[in-house]
Protein backbone atom coordinates (compact mmCIF):
# COMPACT_ATOMS: atom_id res chain seq x y z
CA MET A 1 81.45 133.94 128.46
CA ALA A 2 83.40 134.25 125.23
CA LYS A 3 86.59 136.27 125.25
CA LYS A 4 86.80 139.42 123.18
CA ASN A 5 89.60 138.14 120.91
CA GLU A 6 88.14 134.64 120.60
CA THR A 7 87.42 133.64 117.00
CA ALA A 8 84.63 131.43 115.71
CA PHE A 9 87.23 128.72 115.09
CA ASP A 10 88.38 128.88 118.70
CA ARG A 11 84.79 128.49 119.90
CA LEU A 12 84.25 125.53 117.55
CA LEU A 13 87.46 123.88 118.77
CA LYS A 14 86.29 124.22 122.35
CA LYS A 15 83.01 122.52 121.55
CA LEU A 16 84.74 119.68 119.70
CA THR A 17 87.42 119.01 122.32
CA LYS A 18 85.95 120.32 125.57
CA ALA A 19 89.53 120.99 126.59
CA THR A 20 89.96 122.78 129.90
CA PRO A 21 91.47 126.28 129.53
CA ILE A 22 95.00 126.68 130.89
CA GLU A 23 93.89 129.06 133.60
CA GLU A 24 91.39 126.45 134.87
CA GLU A 25 93.66 123.40 134.77
CA SER A 26 93.90 123.29 138.52
CA SER A 27 90.28 122.10 138.63
CA VAL A 28 91.08 118.94 136.69
CA LYS A 29 94.55 118.30 138.06
CA LEU A 30 95.00 114.87 139.64
CA ASP A 31 96.62 114.59 143.04
CA HIS A 32 99.71 112.70 141.94
CA ASP A 33 102.79 113.58 139.95
CA PHE A 34 105.96 111.93 138.80
CA ASP A 35 109.23 113.81 138.68
CA GLY A 36 107.32 117.07 138.59
CA ILE A 37 105.03 115.92 135.77
CA GLN A 38 101.35 116.23 136.64
CA GLU A 39 98.36 114.62 134.98
CA LEU A 40 95.11 116.32 134.00
CA ASN A 41 91.75 114.58 134.05
CA ASN A 42 90.42 116.15 130.84
CA PRO A 43 87.17 114.66 129.50
CA LEU A 44 87.14 112.72 126.24
CA PRO A 45 86.45 114.90 123.17
CA PRO A 46 82.75 114.78 122.21
CA TRP A 47 83.57 113.74 118.62
CA TRP A 48 85.54 110.73 119.91
CA THR A 49 82.76 109.74 122.30
CA ALA A 50 80.16 110.05 119.53
CA GLY A 51 82.29 107.95 117.17
CA PHE A 52 82.71 105.27 119.85
CA ILE A 53 78.95 105.09 120.47
CA ILE A 54 78.18 104.95 116.73
CA THR A 55 80.72 102.12 116.34
CA ILE A 56 78.98 100.11 119.08
CA ILE A 57 75.58 100.64 117.44
CA LEU A 58 76.90 99.61 114.01
CA SER A 59 78.53 96.51 115.50
CA VAL A 60 75.09 95.32 116.67
CA PHE A 61 73.77 95.51 113.09
CA TYR A 62 76.97 93.87 111.82
CA ILE A 63 76.64 90.92 114.20
CA PHE A 64 72.96 90.48 113.33
CA TYR A 65 73.55 90.71 109.55
CA TYR A 66 76.62 88.48 109.25
CA MET A 67 76.41 86.12 112.23
CA VAL A 68 72.71 85.76 112.91
CA GLN A 69 71.44 85.88 109.32
CA GLY A 70 74.59 84.17 108.00
CA LYS A 71 75.29 86.60 105.15
CA ASP A 72 78.54 86.25 103.21
CA SER A 73 81.49 88.20 104.55
CA GLN A 74 83.45 90.65 102.42
CA TYR A 75 86.18 88.03 101.98
CA VAL A 76 83.69 85.47 100.66
CA GLU A 77 82.20 88.08 98.33
CA TYR A 78 85.71 88.95 97.12
CA GLN A 79 86.52 85.29 96.40
CA ARG A 80 83.23 84.91 94.52
CA GLU A 81 83.99 87.96 92.38
CA ILE A 82 87.49 86.66 91.64
CA ALA A 83 86.07 83.29 90.56
CA ARG A 84 83.45 84.97 88.37
CA ALA A 85 86.09 87.21 86.77
CA LYS A 86 88.30 84.19 86.06
CA THR A 87 85.38 82.40 84.41
CA GLN A 88 84.74 85.45 82.23
CA VAL A 89 88.42 85.73 81.28
CA ASP A 90 88.60 82.02 80.39
CA ALA A 91 85.44 82.31 78.29
CA TYR A 92 86.87 85.34 76.49
CA LYS A 93 90.13 83.53 75.76
CA LYS A 94 88.25 80.53 74.44
CA GLU A 95 85.93 82.63 72.27
CA HIS A 96 88.79 84.65 70.79
CA HIS A 97 91.21 81.70 70.61
CA ILE A 98 93.73 83.32 72.95
CA VAL A 99 96.42 80.84 73.93
CA ASP A 100 98.31 80.73 77.23
CA ALA A 101 99.88 78.08 79.47
CA ASN A 102 96.43 77.10 80.81
CA THR A 103 94.53 76.89 77.53
CA VAL A 104 97.21 75.54 75.17
CA THR A 105 96.35 72.30 73.39
CA VAL A 106 98.20 70.06 70.95
CA LEU A 107 97.67 71.01 67.32
CA THR A 108 97.55 68.13 64.89
CA ASP A 109 96.46 69.70 61.63
CA LYS A 110 98.97 69.69 58.78
CA LYS A 111 99.13 73.47 58.32
CA SER A 112 99.91 74.15 62.01
CA LEU A 113 102.57 71.45 62.13
CA GLU A 114 104.21 72.76 58.97
CA GLU A 115 104.34 76.23 60.46
CA GLY A 116 105.68 74.75 63.69
CA LYS A 117 108.39 72.93 61.77
CA GLU A 118 109.41 76.13 60.02
CA ILE A 119 109.72 77.91 63.38
CA TYR A 120 111.63 74.94 64.79
CA LEU A 121 114.17 74.84 61.96
CA LYS A 122 114.75 78.57 62.23
CA ASN A 123 115.08 78.82 66.02
CA CYS A 124 115.53 75.40 67.61
CA ALA A 125 117.54 73.23 65.23
CA ALA A 126 120.86 74.80 66.25
CA CYS A 127 120.64 73.13 69.66
CA HIS A 128 118.31 70.18 69.01
CA VAL A 129 119.31 69.35 65.39
CA ALA A 130 116.88 69.47 62.49
CA ASP A 131 115.62 65.93 63.10
CA GLY A 132 115.26 66.47 66.87
CA GLY A 133 118.10 64.12 67.82
CA GLY A 134 119.72 66.64 70.14
CA LEU A 135 123.10 68.36 70.26
CA VAL A 136 123.53 71.03 72.93
CA GLY A 137 119.87 70.53 73.81
CA PRO A 138 118.36 67.14 74.64
CA ASN A 139 116.95 64.53 72.27
CA LEU A 140 113.31 65.37 71.50
CA THR A 141 112.38 62.04 69.98
CA ASP A 142 112.77 59.58 72.85
CA ASP A 143 110.76 58.90 76.01
CA TYR A 144 113.09 60.78 78.37
CA TRP A 145 112.26 64.37 79.22
CA ILE A 146 113.73 66.79 81.74
CA TYR A 147 110.80 69.15 82.19
CA GLY A 148 107.80 67.05 81.13
CA CYS A 149 106.46 65.81 77.80
CA ASP A 150 102.91 67.22 77.88
CA ILE A 151 101.93 70.24 75.79
CA LYS A 152 101.70 72.61 78.76
CA SER A 153 105.20 71.70 79.99
CA VAL A 154 106.72 72.10 76.53
CA PHE A 155 104.86 75.36 75.98
CA ASN A 156 106.15 76.68 79.33
CA VAL A 157 109.76 75.67 78.63
CA ILE A 158 109.76 77.34 75.22
CA THR A 159 108.10 80.45 76.63
CA ASN A 160 110.23 80.94 79.74
CA GLY A 161 113.39 78.99 79.02
CA THR A 162 115.24 76.97 81.66
CA SER A 163 118.10 77.39 84.09
CA LYS A 164 120.21 74.93 82.09
CA GLY A 165 120.81 77.10 79.04
CA MET A 166 117.50 77.09 77.19
CA PRO A 167 116.73 80.76 76.40
CA PRO A 168 113.17 82.08 76.65
CA TRP A 169 111.30 82.43 73.36
CA LYS A 170 108.40 84.47 74.69
CA ALA A 171 108.95 86.99 71.90
CA LEU A 172 107.64 84.46 69.37
CA GLY A 173 104.13 84.91 70.73
CA ALA A 174 101.79 82.32 72.18
CA ASP A 175 100.33 81.21 68.81
CA LYS A 176 103.73 80.39 67.32
CA ILE A 177 104.91 78.75 70.54
CA GLN A 178 101.83 76.50 70.48
CA LYS A 179 102.64 75.47 66.93
CA VAL A 180 106.31 74.77 67.54
CA ALA A 181 105.50 72.94 70.80
CA SER A 182 103.01 70.77 68.91
CA TYR A 183 105.64 70.06 66.25
CA VAL A 184 108.20 69.14 68.92
CA LEU A 185 105.76 66.60 70.37
CA SER A 186 105.16 65.20 66.88
CA LEU A 187 108.85 64.22 66.73
CA HIS A 188 108.32 61.55 69.39
CA GLY A 189 109.12 58.10 68.08
CA THR A 190 110.93 59.29 64.95
CA LYS A 191 114.44 58.03 64.15
CA PRO A 192 117.06 60.81 64.16
CA ALA A 193 120.38 60.21 62.44
CA LYS A 194 122.51 60.63 65.55
CA PRO A 195 120.28 60.52 68.62
CA LYS A 196 121.71 61.98 71.81
CA ALA A 197 121.75 59.79 74.92
CA PRO A 198 118.59 60.00 77.04
CA GLN A 199 118.33 62.83 79.57
CA GLY A 200 115.85 63.33 82.36
CA LYS A 201 113.24 60.80 83.41
CA PRO A 202 110.90 58.53 81.47
CA CYS A 203 107.81 60.54 80.62
CA LYS A 204 104.50 58.82 80.08
CA ARG A 205 102.43 60.56 77.44
CA GLY A 206 98.69 60.92 77.90
């Protein structure tokens, strides 16, 4: 029987928890205690029991769907979506001629190399000398390179700089860095006036 002062919320809470009223706790009290602390054998809340049963039922469908039928897991689906997104991004970059460390290629046309030379003389010649022979920075005309002599390595060094004093030139933008990197590679085999001694390791060009 409901109490006179019992609200609708109180009645709902009773149904959801099935908690034993304080005045009736003696009926669910266990016959052991520890240091005066006694334990009650309250039943599990109905909502918890229902959730547990639903979880068991769903697990049966899960096992059948993924393990019996061999459907892709969420992780596999995630990896597939990542790969598809990467393909779309690469295609977009290629279509719109967006350059980065993965898509950069050597430019060989006269206009690009002239623009690269102009950028080089303005920003790089102070350390590498106008003819690429090297001063503070290494010689750019020989076969010895510290960080690699392929276009991607040169592009990365110009973009991010190095720990040995080369500042990052990311602010130039990827298009200009591609042009100056291509110009730097075009200096290979030229004869600077005062070439600096080789630094790094022999680098075989592809």
